[in-house]
Amino acid sequence: MPRRLQILLFASLRERLQQEALEMDWPGGSLRELRAVLVALGPAWADFAHPPRVRAAVNQVMASEETRVEPGDEVAFFPPVTGG
């Protein structure tokens, strides 16, 4: 039985997509591959193709495009933040 992947959305992404989380079946792969699956969901997801516009953390650790994402992981997406 495939395990589900938990995806969390924060800040402006949550507002624009009008959802705070989603779950999906995921066989495993890189963060880059997951982004491609999300972009295929439609035009509202287009920014996910651009890592500088949408940052990601896997299991609460900042992730690179090569980071492996396994079934059962939690992936959080959020816009870049600035401080002052």
PDB file of N, CA and C in Angstrom:
ATOM      1  N   MET A   1       0.848  -1.191   0.000  1.00  0.00           N
ATOM      2  CA  MET A   1       0.000   0.000   0.000  1.00  0.00           C
ATOM      3  C   MET A   1       0.887   1.246   0.000  1.00  0.00           C
ATOM      4  N   PRO A   2       0.683   2.161  -0.951  1.00  0.00           N
ATOM      5  CA  PRO A   2       1.529   3.349  -1.008  1.00  0.00           C
ATOM      6  C   PRO A   2       1.313   4.238   0.211  1.00  0.00           C
ATOM      7  N   ARG A   3       2.389   4.813   0.675  1.00  0.00           N
ATOM      8  CA  ARG A   3       2.282   5.770   1.776  1.00  0.00           C
ATOM      9  C   ARG A   3       2.069   7.160   1.207  1.00  0.00           C
ATOM     10  N   ARG A   4       1.421   7.951   1.990  1.00  0.00           N
ATOM     11  CA  ARG A   4       1.062   9.293   1.555  1.00  0.00           C
ATOM     12  C   ARG A   4       2.155  10.291   1.918  1.00  0.00           C
ATOM     13  N   LEU A   5       2.223  11.328   1.149  1.00  0.00           N
ATOM     14  CA  LEU A   5       3.131  12.442   1.389  1.00  0.00           C
ATOM     15  C   LEU A   5       2.293  13.609   1.890  1.00  0.00           C
ATOM     16  N   GLN A   6       2.720  14.233   2.966  1.00  0.00           N
ATOM     17  CA  GLN A   6       2.025  15.399   3.527  1.00  0.00           C
ATOM     18  C   GLN A   6       2.711  16.659   3.013  1.00  0.00           C
ATOM     19  N   ILE A   7       1.950  17.542   2.389  1.00  0.00           N
ATOM     20  CA  ILE A   7       2.479  18.804   1.865  1.00  0.00           C
ATOM     21  C   ILE A   7       1.790  19.952   2.586  1.00  0.00           C
ATOM     22  N   LEU A   8       2.600  20.830   3.171  1.00  0.00           N
ATOM     23  CA  LEU A   8       2.091  21.993   3.889  1.00  0.00           C
ATOM     24  C   LEU A   8       2.409  23.255   3.095  1.00  0.00           C
ATOM     25  N   LEU A   9       1.476  24.194   3.075  1.00  0.00           N
ATOM     26  CA  LEU A   9       1.642  25.448   2.347  1.00  0.00           C
ATOM     27  C   LEU A   9       1.545  26.599   3.328  1.00  0.00           C
ATOM     28  N   PHE A  10       2.433  27.586   3.197  1.00  0.00           N
ATOM     29  CA  PHE A  10       2.481  28.693   4.135  1.00  0.00           C
ATOM     30  C   PHE A  10       2.390  30.043   3.431  1.00  0.00           C
ATOM     31  N   ALA A  11       1.962  31.046   4.205  1.00  0.00           N
ATOM     32  CA  ALA A  11       1.950  32.457   3.814  1.00  0.00           C
ATOM     33  C   ALA A  11       1.170  32.670   2.516  1.00  0.00           C
ATOM     34  N   SER A  12       1.752  33.398   1.581  1.00  0.00           N
ATOM     35  CA  SER A  12       1.039  33.757   0.350  1.00  0.00           C
ATOM     36  C   SER A  12       0.678  32.536  -0.496  1.00  0.00           C
ATOM     37  N   LEU A  13       1.440  31.457  -0.386  1.00  0.00           N
ATOM     38  CA  LEU A  13       1.092  30.242  -1.135  1.00  0.00           C
ATOM     39  C   LEU A  13      -0.238  29.688  -0.644  1.00  0.00           C
ATOM     40  N   ARG A  14      -0.401  29.657   0.669  1.00  0.00           N
ATOM     41  CA  ARG A  14      -1.651  29.174   1.263  1.00  0.00           C
ATOM     42  C   ARG A  14      -2.818  30.032   0.796  1.00  0.00           C
ATOM     43  N   GLU A  15      -2.624  31.333   0.793  1.00  0.00           N
ATOM     44  CA  GLU A  15      -3.693  32.249   0.382  1.00  0.00           C
ATOM     45  C   GLU A  15      -4.042  32.079  -1.090  1.00  0.00           C
ATOM     46  N   ARG A  16      -3.022  32.035  -1.934  1.00  0.00           N
ATOM     47  CA  ARG A  16      -3.265  31.950  -3.372  1.00  0.00           C
ATOM     48  C   ARG A  16      -3.909  30.624  -3.763  1.00  0.00           C
ATOM     49  N   LEU A  17      -3.453  29.528  -3.173  1.00  0.00           N
ATOM     50  CA  LEU A  17      -3.971  28.209  -3.523  1.00  0.00           C
ATOM     51  C   LEU A  17      -5.217  27.847  -2.714  1.00  0.00           C
ATOM     52  N   GLN A  18      -5.563  28.660  -1.733  1.00  0.00           N
ATOM     53  CA  GLN A  18      -6.741  28.485  -0.894  1.00  0.00           C
ATOM     54  C   GLN A  18      -6.789  27.107  -0.223  1.00  0.00           C
ATOM     55  N   GLN A  19      -5.629  26.696   0.245  1.00  0.00           N
ATOM     56  CA  GLN A  19      -5.541  25.467   1.027  1.00  0.00           C
ATOM     57  C   GLN A  19      -4.256  25.505   1.834  1.00  0.00           C
ATOM     58  N   GLU A  20      -4.285  24.882   2.989  1.00  0.00           N
ATOM     59  CA  GLU A  20      -3.110  24.910   3.851  1.00  0.00           C
ATOM     60  C   GLU A  20      -2.304  23.626   3.783  1.00  0.00           C
ATOM     61  N   ALA A  21      -2.913  22.558   3.275  1.00  0.00           N
ATOM     62  CA  ALA A  21      -2.200  21.281   3.196  1.00  0.00           C
ATOM     63  C   ALA A  21      -2.877  20.383   2.170  1.00  0.00           C
ATOM     64  N   LEU A  22      -2.122  19.417   1.700  1.00  0.00           N
ATOM     65  CA  LEU A  22      -2.677  18.378   0.860  1.00  0.00           C
ATOM     66  C   LEU A  22      -1.873  17.106   1.073  1.00  0.00           C
ATOM     67  N   GLU A  23      -2.478  15.994   0.772  1.00  0.00           N
ATOM     68  CA  GLU A  23      -1.805  14.707   0.833  1.00  0.00           C
ATOM     69  C   GLU A  23      -1.874  14.080  -0.547  1.00  0.00           C
ATOM     70  N   MET A  24      -0.849  13.327  -0.881  1.00  0.00           N
ATOM     71  CA  MET A  24      -0.847  12.646  -2.168  1.00  0.00           C
ATOM     72  C   MET A  24      -0.045  11.362  -2.064  1.00  0.00           C
ATOM     73  N   ASP A  25      -0.398  10.395  -2.888  1.00  0.00           N
ATOM     74  CA  ASP A  25       0.423   9.191  -2.995  1.00  0.00           C
ATOM     75  C   ASP A  25       1.740   9.595  -3.631  1.00  0.00           C
ATOM     76  N   TRP A  26       2.824   9.066  -3.109  1.00  0.00           N
ATOM     77  CA  TRP A  26       4.149   9.460  -3.606  1.00  0.00           C
ATOM     78  C   TRP A  26       5.067   8.246  -3.535  1.00  0.00           C
ATOM     79  N   PRO A  27       5.641   7.837  -4.667  1.00  0.00           N
ATOM     80  CA  PRO A  27       6.517   6.660  -4.665  1.00  0.00           C
ATOM     81  C   PRO A  27       7.930   6.949  -4.165  1.00  0.00           C
ATOM     82  N   GLY A  28       8.262   8.224  -4.035  1.00  0.00           N
ATOM     83  CA  GLY A  28       9.616   8.619  -3.667  1.00  0.00           C
ATOM     84  C   GLY A  28      10.305   9.256  -4.862  1.00  0.00           C
ATOM     85  N   GLY A  29      11.195  10.167  -4.583  1.00  0.00           N
ATOM     86  CA  GLY A  29      11.926  10.864  -5.634  1.00  0.00           C
ATOM     87  C   GLY A  29      12.535  12.131  -5.061  1.00  0.00           C
ATOM     88  N   SER A  30      13.106  12.927  -5.927  1.00  0.00           N
ATOM     89  CA  SER A  30      13.760  14.157  -5.484  1.00  0.00           C
ATOM     90  C   SER A  30      12.737  15.270  -5.294  1.00  0.00           C
ATOM     91  N   LEU A  31      13.142  16.296  -4.585  1.00  0.00           N
ATOM     92  CA  LEU A  31      12.294  17.471  -4.439  1.00  0.00           C
ATOM     93  C   LEU A  31      12.007  18.071  -5.812  1.00  0.00           C
ATOM     94  N   ARG A  32      12.981  18.059  -6.693  1.00  0.00           N
ATOM     95  CA  ARG A  32      12.778  18.571  -8.058  1.00  0.00           C
ATOM     96  C   ARG A  32      11.629  17.809  -8.743  1.00  0.00           C
ATOM     97  N   GLU A  33      11.596  16.490  -8.578  1.00  0.00           N
ATOM     98  CA  GLU A  33      10.529  15.681  -9.187  1.00  0.00           C
ATOM     99  C   GLU A  33       9.168  15.998  -8.561  1.00  0.00           C
ATOM    100  N   LEU A  34       9.152  16.220  -7.258  1.00  0.00           N
ATOM    101  CA  LEU A  34       7.900  16.587  -6.600  1.00  0.00           C
ATOM    102  C   LEU A  34       7.404  17.932  -7.119  1.00  0.00           C
ATOM    103  N   ARG A  35       8.308  18.887  -7.272  1.00  0.00           N
ATOM    104  CA  ARG A  35       7.906  20.195  -7.810  1.00  0.00           C
ATOM    105  C   ARG A  35       7.254  20.028  -9.185  1.00  0.00           C
ATOM    106  N   ALA A  36       7.808  19.172 -10.039  1.00  0.00           N
ATOM    107  CA  ALA A  36       7.248  18.955 -11.381  1.00  0.00           C
ATOM    108  C   ALA A  36       5.823  18.405 -11.297  1.00  0.00           C
ATOM    109  N   VAL A  37       5.582  17.506 -10.355  1.00  0.00           N
ATOM    110  CA  VAL A  37       4.235  16.955 -10.169  1.00  0.00           C
ATOM    111  C   VAL A  37       3.277  18.067  -9.742  1.00  0.00           C
ATOM    112  N   LEU A  38       3.718  18.924  -8.834  1.00  0.00           N
ATOM    113  CA  LEU A  38       2.859  20.013  -8.363  1.00  0.00           C
ATOM    114  C   LEU A  38       2.579  21.026  -9.472  1.00  0.00           C
ATOM    115  N   VAL A  39       3.581  21.370 -10.256  1.00  0.00           N
ATOM    116  CA  VAL A  39       3.388  22.313 -11.371  1.00  0.00           C
ATOM    117  C   VAL A  39       2.342  21.770 -12.343  1.00  0.00           C
ATOM    118  N   ALA A  40       2.306  20.462 -12.526  1.00  0.00           N
ATOM    119  CA  ALA A  40       1.345  19.842 -13.444  1.00  0.00           C
ATOM    120  C   ALA A  40      -0.101  19.948 -12.945  1.00  0.00           C
ATOM    121  N   LEU A  41      -0.298  20.356 -11.689  1.00  0.00           N
ATOM    122  CA  LEU A  41      -1.655  20.509 -11.156  1.00  0.00           C
ATOM    123  C   LEU A  41      -2.392  21.696 -11.766  1.00  0.00           C
ATOM    124  N   GLY A  42      -1.654  22.634 -12.365  1.00  0.00           N
ATOM    125  CA  GLY A  42      -2.327  23.752 -13.022  1.00  0.00           C
ATOM    126  C   GLY A  42      -1.573  25.058 -12.884  1.00  0.00           C
ATOM    127  N   PRO A  43      -2.055  26.102 -13.549  1.00  0.00           N
ATOM    128  CA  PRO A  43      -1.370  27.390 -13.588  1.00  0.00           C
ATOM    129  C   PRO A  43      -1.103  28.011 -12.215  1.00  0.00           C
ATOM    130  N   ALA A  44      -1.974  27.798 -11.257  1.00  0.00           N
ATOM    131  CA  ALA A  44      -1.773  28.391  -9.930  1.00  0.00           C
ATOM    132  C   ALA A  44      -0.522  27.854  -9.247  1.00  0.00           C
ATOM    133  N   TRP A  45      -0.031  26.727  -9.706  1.00  0.00           N
ATOM    134  CA  TRP A  45       1.135  26.076  -9.105  1.00  0.00           C
ATOM    135  C   TRP A  45       2.434  26.396  -9.852  1.00  0.00           C
ATOM    136  N   ALA A  46       2.397  27.272 -10.840  1.00  0.00           N
ATOM    137  CA  ALA A  46       3.550  27.536 -11.706  1.00  0.00           C
ATOM    138  C   ALA A  46       4.802  27.975 -10.946  1.00  0.00           C
ATOM    139  N   ASP A  47       4.655  28.749  -9.884  1.00  0.00           N
ATOM    140  CA  ASP A  47       5.828  29.230  -9.140  1.00  0.00           C
ATOM    141  C   ASP A  47       6.626  28.096  -8.500  1.00  0.00           C
ATOM    142  N   PHE A  48       6.024  26.936  -8.326  1.00  0.00           N
ATOM    143  CA  PHE A  48       6.738  25.808  -7.726  1.00  0.00           C
ATOM    144  C   PHE A  48       7.886  25.331  -8.611  1.00  0.00           C
ATOM    145  N   ALA A  49       7.878  25.715  -9.881  1.00  0.00           N
ATOM    146  CA  ALA A  49       8.963  25.370 -10.791  1.00  0.00           C
ATOM    147  C   ALA A  49      10.198  26.227 -10.557  1.00  0.00           C
ATOM    148  N   HIS A  50      10.090  27.260  -9.726  1.00  0.00           N
ATOM    149  CA  HIS A  50      11.176  28.217  -9.502  1.00  0.00           C
ATOM    150  C   HIS A  50      11.579  28.217  -8.028  1.00  0.00           C
ATOM    151  N   PRO A  51      12.588  27.426  -7.665  1.00  0.00           N
ATOM    152  CA  PRO A  51      12.997  27.352  -6.253  1.00  0.00           C
ATOM    153  C   PRO A  51      13.257  28.694  -5.574  1.00  0.00           C
ATOM    154  N   PRO A  52      13.765  29.722  -6.258  1.00  0.00           N
ATOM    155  CA  PRO A  52      13.936  30.998  -5.542  1.00  0.00           C
ATOM    156  C   PRO A  52      12.607  31.630  -5.122  1.00  0.00           C
ATOM    157  N   ARG A  53      11.528  31.325  -5.819  1.00  0.00           N
ATOM    158  CA  ARG A  53      10.216  31.895  -5.495  1.00  0.00           C
ATOM    159  C   ARG A  53       9.474  31.077  -4.442  1.00  0.00           C
ATOM    160  N   VAL A  54       9.758  29.787  -4.382  1.00  0.00           N
ATOM    161  CA  VAL A  54       9.080  28.888  -3.440  1.00  0.00           C
ATOM    162  C   VAL A  54      10.144  28.017  -2.790  1.00  0.00           C
ATOM    163  N   ARG A  55      10.425  28.269  -1.518  1.00  0.00           N
ATOM    164  CA  ARG A  55      11.413  27.503  -0.762  1.00  0.00           C
ATOM    165  C   ARG A  55      10.765  26.233  -0.220  1.00  0.00           C
ATOM    166  N   ALA A  56      11.578  25.269   0.191  1.00  0.00           N
ATOM    167  CA  ALA A  56      11.034  24.006   0.690  1.00  0.00           C
ATOM    168  C   ALA A  56      11.856  23.467   1.846  1.00  0.00           C
ATOM    169  N   ALA A  57      11.163  22.775   2.730  1.00  0.00           N
ATOM    170  CA  ALA A  57      11.795  22.052   3.822  1.00  0.00           C
ATOM    171  C   ALA A  57      11.193  20.644   3.836  1.00  0.00           C
ATOM    172  N   VAL A  58      12.041  19.653   4.052  1.00  0.00           N
ATOM    173  CA  VAL A  58      11.586  18.270   4.163  1.00  0.00           C
ATOM    174  C   VAL A  58      11.823  17.836   5.605  1.00  0.00           C
ATOM    175  N   ASN A  59      10.757  17.428   6.252  1.00  0.00           N
ATOM    176  CA  ASN A  59      10.822  17.031   7.659  1.00  0.00           C
ATOM    177  C   ASN A  59      11.482  18.113   8.510  1.00  0.00           C
ATOM    178  N   GLN A  60      11.098  19.361   8.230  1.00  0.00           N
ATOM    179  CA  GLN A  60      11.511  20.552   8.973  1.00  0.00           C
ATOM    180  C   GLN A  60      12.989  20.904   8.818  1.00  0.00           C
ATOM    181  N   VAL A  61      13.605  20.451   7.722  1.00  0.00           N
ATOM    182  CA  VAL A  61      14.994  20.791   7.403  1.00  0.00           C
ATOM    183  C   VAL A  61      14.999  21.389   5.999  1.00  0.00           C
ATOM    184  N   MET A  62      15.618  22.572   5.852  1.00  0.00           N
ATOM    185  CA  MET A  62      15.693  23.196   4.530  1.00  0.00           C
ATOM    186  C   MET A  62      16.256  22.198   3.521  1.00  0.00           C
ATOM    187  N   ALA A  63      15.657  22.191   2.329  1.00  0.00           N
ATOM    188  CA  ALA A  63      15.979  21.164   1.340  1.00  0.00           C
ATOM    189  C   ALA A  63      16.488  21.772   0.038  1.00  0.00           C
ATOM    190  N   SER A  64      17.377  21.027  -0.627  1.00  0.00           N
ATOM    191  CA  SER A  64      17.837  21.398  -1.963  1.00  0.00           C
ATOM    192  C   SER A  64      17.002  20.612  -2.977  1.00  0.00           C
ATOM    193  N   GLU A  65      17.164  20.940  -4.222  1.00  0.00           N
ATOM    194  CA  GLU A  65      16.411  20.253  -5.277  1.00  0.00           C
ATOM    195  C   GLU A  65      16.754  18.765  -5.364  1.00  0.00           C
ATOM    196  N   GLU A  66      17.926  18.381  -4.899  1.00  0.00           N
ATOM    197  CA  GLU A  66      18.349  16.984  -4.954  1.00  0.00           C
ATOM    198  C   GLU A  66      17.907  16.191  -3.716  1.00  0.00           C
ATOM    199  N   THR A  67      17.347  16.869  -2.715  1.00  0.00           N
ATOM    200  CA  THR A  67      16.912  16.182  -1.495  1.00  0.00           C
ATOM    201  C   THR A  67      15.916  15.093  -1.842  1.00  0.00           C
ATOM    202  N   ARG A  68      16.126  13.942  -1.275  1.00  0.00           N
ATOM    203  CA  ARG A  68      15.229  12.806  -1.488  1.00  0.00           C
ATOM    204  C   ARG A  68      13.976  12.998  -0.633  1.00  0.00           C
ATOM    205  N   VAL A  69      12.816  12.799  -1.253  1.00  0.00           N
ATOM    206  CA  VAL A  69      11.529  12.882  -0.568  1.00  0.00           C
ATOM    207  C   VAL A  69      10.915  11.494  -0.608  1.00  0.00           C
ATOM    208  N   GLU A  70      10.685  10.942   0.572  1.00  0.00           N
ATOM    209  CA  GLU A  70      10.172   9.577   0.686  1.00  0.00           C
ATOM    210  C   GLU A  70       8.705   9.578   1.102  1.00  0.00           C
ATOM    211  N   PRO A  71       7.976   8.498   0.795  1.00  0.00           N
ATOM    212  CA  PRO A  71       6.610   8.385   1.300  1.00  0.00           C
ATOM    213  C   PRO A  71       6.617   8.526   2.822  1.00  0.00           C
ATOM    214  N   GLY A  72       5.637   9.241   3.336  1.00  0.00           N
ATOM    215  CA  GLY A  72       5.553   9.472   4.768  1.00  0.00           C
ATOM    216  C   GLY A  72       6.238  10.748   5.222  1.00  0.00           C
ATOM    217  N   ASP A  73       7.032  11.377   4.366  1.00  0.00           N
ATOM    218  CA  ASP A  73       7.696  12.633   4.717  1.00  0.00           C
ATOM    219  C   ASP A  73       6.691  13.780   4.767  1.00  0.00           C
ATOM    220  N   GLU A  74       7.107  14.852   5.414  1.00  0.00           N
ATOM    221  CA  GLU A  74       6.356  16.106   5.433  1.00  0.00           C
ATOM    222  C   GLU A  74       7.181  17.130   4.658  1.00  0.00           C
ATOM    223  N   VAL A  75       6.568  17.738   3.651  1.00  0.00           N
ATOM    224  CA  VAL A  75       7.242  18.761   2.853  1.00  0.00           C
ATOM    225  C   VAL A  75       6.484  20.069   3.027  1.00  0.00           C
ATOM    226  N   ALA A  76       7.194  21.098   3.446  1.00  0.00           N
ATOM    227  CA  ALA A  76       6.602  22.419   3.621  1.00  0.00           C
ATOM    228  C   ALA A  76       7.124  23.345   2.534  1.00  0.00           C
ATOM    229  N   PHE A  77       6.223  24.079   1.912  1.00  0.00           N
ATOM    230  CA  PHE A  77       6.586  25.067   0.894  1.00  0.00           C
ATOM    231  C   PHE A  77       6.194  26.447   1.397  1.00  0.00           C
ATOM    232  N   PHE A  78       7.056  27.430   1.151  1.00  0.00           N
ATOM    233  CA  PHE A  78       6.812  28.793   1.612  1.00  0.00           C
ATOM    234  C   PHE A  78       7.587  29.759   0.753  1.00  0.00           C
ATOM    235  N   PRO A  79       7.108  31.017   0.669  1.00  0.00           N
ATOM    236  CA  PRO A  79       7.856  32.025  -0.082  1.00  0.00           C
ATOM    237  C   PRO A  79       9.102  32.416   0.699  1.00  0.00           C
ATOM    238  N   PRO A  80      10.096  32.976   0.019  1.00  0.00           N
ATOM    239  CA  PRO A  80      11.285  33.448   0.741  1.00  0.00           C
ATOM    240  C   PRO A  80      10.862  34.532   1.745  1.00  0.00           C
ATOM    241  N   VAL A  81      11.575  34.594   2.830  1.00  0.00           N
ATOM    242  CA  VAL A  81      11.274  35.598   3.838  1.00  0.00           C
ATOM    243  C   VAL A  81      12.450  36.546   3.971  1.00  0.00           C
ATOM    244  N   THR A  82      12.150  37.757   4.371  1.00  0.00           N
ATOM    245  CA  THR A  82      13.215  38.728   4.624  1.00  0.00           C
ATOM    246  C   THR A  82      13.078  39.213   6.050  1.00  0.00           C
ATOM    247  N   GLY A  83      14.153  39.633   6.578  1.00  0.00           N
ATOM    248  CA  GLY A  83      14.141  40.155   7.943  1.00  0.00           C
ATOM    249  C   GLY A  83      14.767  41.531   7.975  1.00  0.00           C
ATOM    250  N   GLY A  84      14.640  42.148   9.093  1.00  0.00           N
ATOM    251  CA  GLY A  84      15.215  43.477   9.152  1.00  0.00           C
ATOM    252  C   GLY A  84      15.542  43.877  10.563  1.00  0.00           C
TER     253      GLY A  84
END
